[in-house]
PDB file of N, CA and C in Angstrom:
ATOM      1  N   UNK A   1     110.317  98.257 113.516  1.00  0.00           N
ATOM      2  CA  UNK A   1     109.134  97.470 113.274  1.00  0.00           C
ATOM      3  C   UNK A   1     108.656  97.737 111.838  1.00  0.00           C
ATOM      4  N   UNK A   2     108.305  96.699 111.155  1.00  0.00           N
ATOM      5  CA  UNK A   2     107.878  96.809 109.757  1.00  0.00           C
ATOM      6  C   UNK A   2     106.396  97.189 109.686  1.00  0.00           C
ATOM      7  N   UNK A   3     106.092  98.124 108.822  1.00  0.00           N
ATOM      8  CA  UNK A   3     104.703  98.489 108.560  1.00  0.00           C
ATOM      9  C   UNK A   3     104.241  97.598 107.399  1.00  0.00           C
ATOM     10  N   UNK A   4     103.640  96.466 107.739  1.00  0.00           N
ATOM     11  CA  UNK A   4     103.272  95.468 106.742  1.00  0.00           C
ATOM     12  C   UNK A   4     102.186  95.966 105.799  1.00  0.00           C
ATOM     13  N   UNK A   5     101.315  96.838 106.279  1.00  0.00           N
ATOM     14  CA  UNK A   5     100.273  97.390 105.418  1.00  0.00           C
ATOM     15  C   UNK A   5     100.903  98.213 104.289  1.00  0.00           C
ATOM     16  N   UNK A   6     101.857  99.065 104.634  1.00  0.00           N
ATOM     17  CA  UNK A   6     102.537  99.874 103.614  1.00  0.00           C
ATOM     18  C   UNK A   6     103.369  98.998 102.688  1.00  0.00           C
ATOM     19  N   UNK A   7     103.997  97.963 103.243  1.00  0.00           N
ATOM     20  CA  UNK A   7     104.794  97.063 102.419  1.00  0.00           C
ATOM     21  C   UNK A   7     103.909  96.362 101.398  1.00  0.00           C
ATOM     22  N   UNK A   8     102.790  95.827 101.839  1.00  0.00           N
ATOM     23  CA  UNK A   8     101.881  95.143 100.917  1.00  0.00           C
ATOM     24  C   UNK A   8     101.328  96.100  99.871  1.00  0.00           C
ATOM     25  N   UNK A   9     101.079  97.339 100.259  1.00  0.00           N
ATOM     26  CA  UNK A   9     100.610  98.350  99.314  1.00  0.00           C
ATOM     27  C   UNK A   9     101.685  98.619  98.254  1.00  0.00           C
ATOM     28  N   UNK A  10     102.941  98.737  98.685  1.00  0.00           N
ATOM     29  CA  UNK A  10     104.045  98.978  97.748  1.00  0.00           C
ATOM     30  C   UNK A  10     104.205  97.804  96.784  1.00  0.00           C
ATOM     31  N   UNK A  11     104.044  96.597  97.288  1.00  0.00           N
ATOM     32  CA  UNK A  11     104.133  95.409  96.435  1.00  0.00           C
ATOM     33  C   UNK A  11     102.999  95.418  95.419  1.00  0.00           C
ATOM     34  N   UNK A  12     101.804  95.716  95.886  1.00  0.00           N
ATOM     35  CA  UNK A  12     100.648  95.751  94.988  1.00  0.00           C
ATOM     36  C   UNK A  12     100.832  96.828  93.911  1.00  0.00           C
ATOM     37  N   UNK A  13     101.308  97.998  94.313  1.00  0.00           N
ATOM     38  CA  UNK A  13     101.509  99.101  93.373  1.00  0.00           C
ATOM     39  C   UNK A  13     102.597  98.795  92.349  1.00  0.00           C
ATOM     40  N   UNK A  14     103.530  97.928  92.722  1.00  0.00           N
ATOM     41  CA  UNK A  14     104.613  97.588  91.797  1.00  0.00           C
ATOM     42  C   UNK A  14     104.110  96.748  90.625  1.00  0.00           C
ATOM     43  N   UNK A  15     102.987  96.044  90.852  1.00  0.00           N
ATOM     44  CA  UNK A  15     102.444  95.174  89.826  1.00  0.00           C
ATOM     45  C   UNK A  15     103.187  93.851  89.707  1.00  0.00           C
ATOM     46  N   UNK A  16     104.147  93.632  90.588  1.00  0.00           N
ATOM     47  CA  UNK A  16     104.932  92.393  90.552  1.00  0.00           C
ATOM     48  C   UNK A  16     104.300  91.350  91.450  1.00  0.00           C
ATOM     49  N   UNK A  17     104.496  90.104  91.074  1.00  0.00           N
ATOM     50  CA  UNK A  17     104.049  88.985  91.902  1.00  0.00           C
ATOM     51  C   UNK A  17     105.143  88.664  92.920  1.00  0.00           C
ATOM     52  N   UNK A  18     104.731  88.063  94.011  1.00  0.00           N
ATOM     53  CA  UNK A  18     105.669  87.705  95.081  1.00  0.00           C
ATOM     54  C   UNK A  18     106.780  86.809  94.540  1.00  0.00           C
ATOM     55  N   UNK A  19     106.441  85.883  93.658  1.00  0.00           N
ATOM     56  CA  UNK A  19     107.454  84.970  93.118  1.00  0.00           C
ATOM     57  C   UNK A  19     108.507  85.738  92.317  1.00  0.00           C
ATOM     58  N   UNK A  20     108.090  86.762  91.575  1.00  0.00           N
ATOM     59  CA  UNK A  20     109.045  87.568  90.807  1.00  0.00           C
ATOM     60  C   UNK A  20     109.943  88.376  91.745  1.00  0.00           C
ATOM     61  N   UNK A  21     109.354  88.930  92.790  1.00  0.00           N
ATOM     62  CA  UNK A  21     110.139  89.701  93.761  1.00  0.00           C
ATOM     63  C   UNK A  21     111.134  88.780  94.464  1.00  0.00           C
ATOM     64  N   UNK A  22     110.672  87.604  94.877  1.00  0.00           N
ATOM     65  CA  UNK A  22     111.563  86.678  95.583  1.00  0.00           C
ATOM     66  C   UNK A  22     112.732  86.259  94.693  1.00  0.00           C
ATOM     67  N   UNK A  23     112.470  86.034  93.406  1.00  0.00           N
ATOM     68  CA  UNK A  23     113.550  85.694  92.472  1.00  0.00           C
ATOM     69  C   UNK A  23     114.563  86.818  92.382  1.00  0.00           C
ATOM     70  N   UNK A  24     114.065  88.054  92.295  1.00  0.00           N
ATOM     71  CA  UNK A  24     114.952  89.203  92.124  1.00  0.00           C
ATOM     72  C   UNK A  24     115.788  89.491  93.369  1.00  0.00           C
ATOM     73  N   UNK A  25     115.235  89.201  94.555  1.00  0.00           N
ATOM     74  CA  UNK A  25     116.009  89.479  95.765  1.00  0.00           C
ATOM     75  C   UNK A  25     116.771  88.250  96.268  1.00  0.00           C
ATOM     76  N   UNK A  26     116.553  87.123  95.604  1.00  0.00           N
ATOM     77  CA  UNK A  26     117.344  85.935  95.918  1.00  0.00           C
ATOM     78  C   UNK A  26     116.906  85.156  97.142  1.00  0.00           C
ATOM     79  N   UNK A  27     115.602  85.175  97.416  1.00  0.00           N
ATOM     80  CA  UNK A  27     115.091  84.346  98.508  1.00  0.00           C
ATOM     81  C   UNK A  27     113.970  83.460  97.978  1.00  0.00           C
ATOM     82  N   UNK A  28     113.728  82.389  98.681  1.00  0.00           N
ATOM     83  CA  UNK A  28     112.647  81.475  98.352  1.00  0.00           C
ATOM     84  C   UNK A  28     111.309  82.195  98.511  1.00  0.00           C
ATOM     85  N   UNK A  29     110.341  81.867  97.670  1.00  0.00           N
ATOM     86  CA  UNK A  29     109.023  82.508  97.726  1.00  0.00           C
ATOM     87  C   UNK A  29     108.378  82.343  99.095  1.00  0.00           C
ATOM     88  N   UNK A  30     108.460  81.153  99.665  1.00  0.00           N
ATOM     89  CA  UNK A  30     107.883  80.910 100.986  1.00  0.00           C
ATOM     90  C   UNK A  30     108.562  81.765 102.041  1.00  0.00           C
ATOM     91  N   UNK A  31     109.863  81.912 101.933  1.00  0.00           N
ATOM     92  CA  UNK A  31     110.613  82.755 102.859  1.00  0.00           C
ATOM     93  C   UNK A  31     110.117  84.191 102.783  1.00  0.00           C
ATOM     94  N   UNK A  32     109.909  84.689 101.569  1.00  0.00           N
ATOM     95  CA  UNK A  32     109.413  86.055 101.407  1.00  0.00           C
ATOM     96  C   UNK A  32     108.006  86.189 101.978  1.00  0.00           C
ATOM     97  N   UNK A  33     107.142  85.225 101.724  1.00  0.00           N
ATOM     98  CA  UNK A  33     105.797  85.259 102.306  1.00  0.00           C
ATOM     99  C   UNK A  33     105.870  85.332 103.835  1.00  0.00           C
ATOM    100  N   UNK A  34     106.760  84.551 104.423  1.00  0.00           N
ATOM    101  CA  UNK A  34     106.912  84.559 105.878  1.00  0.00           C
ATOM    102  C   UNK A  34     107.370  85.924 106.383  1.00  0.00           C
ATOM    103  N   UNK A  35     108.242  86.567 105.650  1.00  0.00           N
ATOM    104  CA  UNK A  35     108.730  87.890 106.042  1.00  0.00           C
ATOM    105  C   UNK A  35     107.642  88.934 105.879  1.00  0.00           C
ATOM    106  N   UNK A  36     106.895  88.867 104.782  1.00  0.00           N
ATOM    107  CA  UNK A  36     105.831  89.828 104.527  1.00  0.00           C
ATOM    108  C   UNK A  36     104.694  89.684 105.541  1.00  0.00           C
ATOM    109  N   UNK A  37     104.487  88.482 106.019  1.00  0.00           N
ATOM    110  CA  UNK A  37     103.409  88.250 106.993  1.00  0.00           C
ATOM    111  C   UNK A  37     103.878  88.442 108.439  1.00  0.00           C
ATOM    112  N   UNK A  38     105.157  88.731 108.635  1.00  0.00           N
ATOM    113  CA  UNK A  38     105.668  89.007 109.972  1.00  0.00           C
ATOM    114  C   UNK A  38     106.097  87.782 110.757  1.00  0.00           C
ATOM    115  N   UNK A  39     106.126  86.618 110.113  1.00  0.00           N
ATOM    116  CA  UNK A  39     106.542  85.396 110.806  1.00  0.00           C
ATOM    117  C   UNK A  39     108.051  85.378 111.042  1.00  0.00           C
ATOM    118  N   UNK A  40     108.799  85.950 110.111  1.00  0.00           N
ATOM    119  CA  UNK A  40     110.247  86.086 110.262  1.00  0.00           C
ATOM    120  C   UNK A  40     110.631  87.516 109.908  1.00  0.00           C
ATOM    121  N   UNK A  41     111.834  87.921 110.304  1.00  0.00           N
ATOM    122  CA  UNK A  41     112.271  89.298 110.091  1.00  0.00           C
ATOM    123  C   UNK A  41     113.106  89.445 108.832  1.00  0.00           C
ATOM    124  N   UNK A  42     113.058  90.633 108.259  1.00  0.00           N
ATOM    125  CA  UNK A  42     113.931  90.971 107.141  1.00  0.00           C
ATOM    126  C   UNK A  42     115.313  91.288 107.692  1.00  0.00           C
ATOM    127  N   UNK A  43     116.359  90.877 106.963  1.00  0.00           N
ATOM    128  CA  UNK A  43     117.692  91.319 107.335  1.00  0.00           C
ATOM    129  C   UNK A  43     118.053  92.528 106.470  1.00  0.00           C
ATOM    130  N   UNK A  44     119.164  93.169 106.777  1.00  0.00           N
ATOM    131  CA  UNK A  44     119.534  94.422 106.117  1.00  0.00           C
ATOM    132  C   UNK A  44     119.678  94.265 104.604  1.00  0.00           C
ATOM    133  N   UNK A  45     120.301  93.189 104.159  1.00  0.00           N
ATOM    134  CA  UNK A  45     120.497  93.019 102.712  1.00  0.00           C
ATOM    135  C   UNK A  45     119.164  92.778 102.004  1.00  0.00           C
ATOM    136  N   UNK A  46     118.232  92.109 102.664  1.00  0.00           N
ATOM    137  CA  UNK A  46     116.910  91.894 102.073  1.00  0.00           C
ATOM    138  C   UNK A  46     116.141  93.211 101.977  1.00  0.00           C
ATOM    139  N   UNK A  47     116.272  94.046 102.989  1.00  0.00           N
ATOM    140  CA  UNK A  47     115.617  95.361 102.959  1.00  0.00           C
ATOM    141  C   UNK A  47     116.170  96.182 101.803  1.00  0.00           C
ATOM    142  N   UNK A  48     117.480  96.155 101.649  1.00  0.00           N
ATOM    143  CA  UNK A  48     118.107  96.893 100.546  1.00  0.00           C
ATOM    144  C   UNK A  48     117.637  96.349  99.193  1.00  0.00           C
ATOM    145  N   UNK A  49     117.623  95.036  99.055  1.00  0.00           N
ATOM    146  CA  UNK A  49     117.223  94.422  97.786  1.00  0.00           C
ATOM    147  C   UNK A  49     115.769  94.679  97.453  1.00  0.00           C
ATOM    148  N   UNK A  50     114.884  94.487  98.415  1.00  0.00           N
ATOM    149  CA  UNK A  50     113.463  94.683  98.132  1.00  0.00           C
ATOM    150  C   UNK A  50     113.170  96.153  97.868  1.00  0.00           C
ATOM    151  N   UNK A  51     113.896  97.038  98.530  1.00  0.00           N
ATOM    152  CA  UNK A  51     113.737  98.477  98.272  1.00  0.00           C
ATOM    153  C   UNK A  51     114.131  98.816  96.845  1.00  0.00           C
ATOM    154  N   UNK A  52     115.210  98.201  96.375  1.00  0.00           N
ATOM    155  CA  UNK A  52     115.647  98.417  94.989  1.00  0.00           C
ATOM    156  C   UNK A  52     114.632  97.857  93.998  1.00  0.00           C
ATOM    157  N   UNK A  53     114.169  96.642  94.240  1.00  0.00           N
ATOM    158  CA  UNK A  53     113.229  95.984  93.321  1.00  0.00           C
ATOM    159  C   UNK A  53     111.914  96.756  93.256  1.00  0.00           C
ATOM    160  N   UNK A  54     111.444  97.238  94.388  1.00  0.00           N
ATOM    161  CA  UNK A  54     110.179  97.975  94.419  1.00  0.00           C
ATOM    162  C   UNK A  54     110.372  99.455  94.106  1.00  0.00           C
ATOM    163  N   UNK A  55     111.621  99.857  93.933  1.00  0.00           N
ATOM    164  CA  UNK A  55     111.976 101.254  93.634  1.00  0.00           C
ATOM    165  C   UNK A  55     111.429 102.203  94.690  1.00  0.00           C
ATOM    166  N   UNK A  56     111.675 101.843  95.955  1.00  0.00           N
ATOM    167  CA  UNK A  56     111.216 102.664  97.061  1.00  0.00           C
ATOM    168  C   UNK A  56     112.152 103.840  97.267  1.00  0.00           C
ATOM    169  N   UNK A  57     111.576 104.980  97.552  1.00  0.00           N
ATOM    170  CA  UNK A  57     112.398 106.134  97.927  1.00  0.00           C
ATOM    171  C   UNK A  57     112.958 105.864  99.322  1.00  0.00           C
ATOM    172  N   UNK A  58     113.953 106.624  99.708  1.00  0.00           N
ATOM    173  CA  UNK A  58     114.517 106.471 101.048  1.00  0.00           C
ATOM    174  C   UNK A  58     113.435 106.709 102.095  1.00  0.00           C
ATOM    175  N   UNK A  59     112.603 107.694 101.861  1.00  0.00           N
ATOM    176  CA  UNK A  59     111.513 108.004 102.793  1.00  0.00           C
ATOM    177  C   UNK A  59     110.559 106.816 102.903  1.00  0.00           C
ATOM    178  N   UNK A  60     110.135 106.265 101.764  1.00  0.00           N
ATOM    179  CA  UNK A  60     109.220 105.121 101.783  1.00  0.00           C
ATOM    180  C   UNK A  60     109.865 103.912 102.454  1.00  0.00           C
ATOM    181  N   UNK A  61     111.129 103.654 102.122  1.00  0.00           N
ATOM    182  CA  UNK A  61     111.838 102.527 102.743  1.00  0.00           C
ATOM    183  C   UNK A  61     111.854 102.675 104.259  1.00  0.00           C
ATOM    184  N   UNK A  62     112.175 103.880 104.724  1.00  0.00           N
ATOM    185  CA  UNK A  62     112.237 104.102 106.165  1.00  0.00           C
ATOM    186  C   UNK A  62     110.870 103.973 106.822  1.00  0.00           C
ATOM    187  N   UNK A  63     109.831 104.472 106.153  1.00  0.00           N
ATOM    188  CA  UNK A  63     108.484 104.368 106.707  1.00  0.00           C
ATOM    189  C   UNK A  63     108.006 102.917 106.763  1.00  0.00           C
ATOM    190  N   UNK A  64     108.422 102.125 105.794  1.00  0.00           N
ATOM    191  CA  UNK A  64     107.990 100.720 105.755  1.00  0.00           C
ATOM    192  C   UNK A  64     108.796  99.849 106.714  1.00  0.00           C
ATOM    193  N   UNK A  65     110.115  99.919 106.604  1.00  0.00           N
ATOM    194  CA  UNK A  65     110.950  98.966 107.347  1.00  0.00           C
ATOM    195  C   UNK A  65     111.425  99.456 108.710  1.00  0.00           C
ATOM    196  N   UNK A  66     111.340 100.735 108.942  1.00  0.00           N
ATOM    197  CA  UNK A  66     111.848 101.269 110.205  1.00  0.00           C
ATOM    198  C   UNK A  66     110.789 102.099 110.932  1.00  0.00           C
ATOM    199  N   UNK A  67     109.532 101.675 110.780  1.00  0.00           N
ATOM    200  CA  UNK A  67     108.425 102.370 111.452  1.00  0.00           C
ATOM    201  C   UNK A  67     108.588 102.233 112.957  1.00  0.00           C
ATOM    202  N   UNK A  68     108.461 103.359 113.637  1.00  0.00           N
ATOM    203  CA  UNK A  68     108.581 103.327 115.093  1.00  0.00           C
ATOM    204  C   UNK A  68     107.364 102.691 115.738  1.00  0.00           C
ATOM    205  N   UNK A  69     106.202 103.038 115.205  1.00  0.00           N
ATOM    206  CA  UNK A  69     104.967 102.490 115.747  1.00  0.00           C
ATOM    207  C   UNK A  69     103.993 102.279 114.602  1.00  0.00           C
ATOM    208  N   UNK A  70     103.470 101.098 114.517  1.00  0.00           N
ATOM    209  CA  UNK A  70     102.515 100.760 113.460  1.00  0.00           C
ATOM    210  C   UNK A  70     101.128 100.738 114.094  1.00  0.00           C
ATOM    211  N   UNK A  71     100.223 101.477 113.498  1.00  0.00           N
ATOM    212  CA  UNK A  71      98.859 101.563 114.037  1.00  0.00           C
ATOM    213  C   UNK A  71      98.051 100.396 113.531  1.00  0.00           C
TER     214      UNK A  71
END
């Protein structure tokens, strides 16, 4: 389960706009918005790409994309 609060925080801290992130990971901006809002799921390659673009540590990536329970 994705921790959307942590994901949005990581995006905000990166200083990048959603359109720039979507360009870098190769998805449409609307598609990325849908994934960030939980309407659709991230696939493995998208998780890898967004982790690279946001420069997430392995720990942060796991806490964001593989959260067992989101409060």
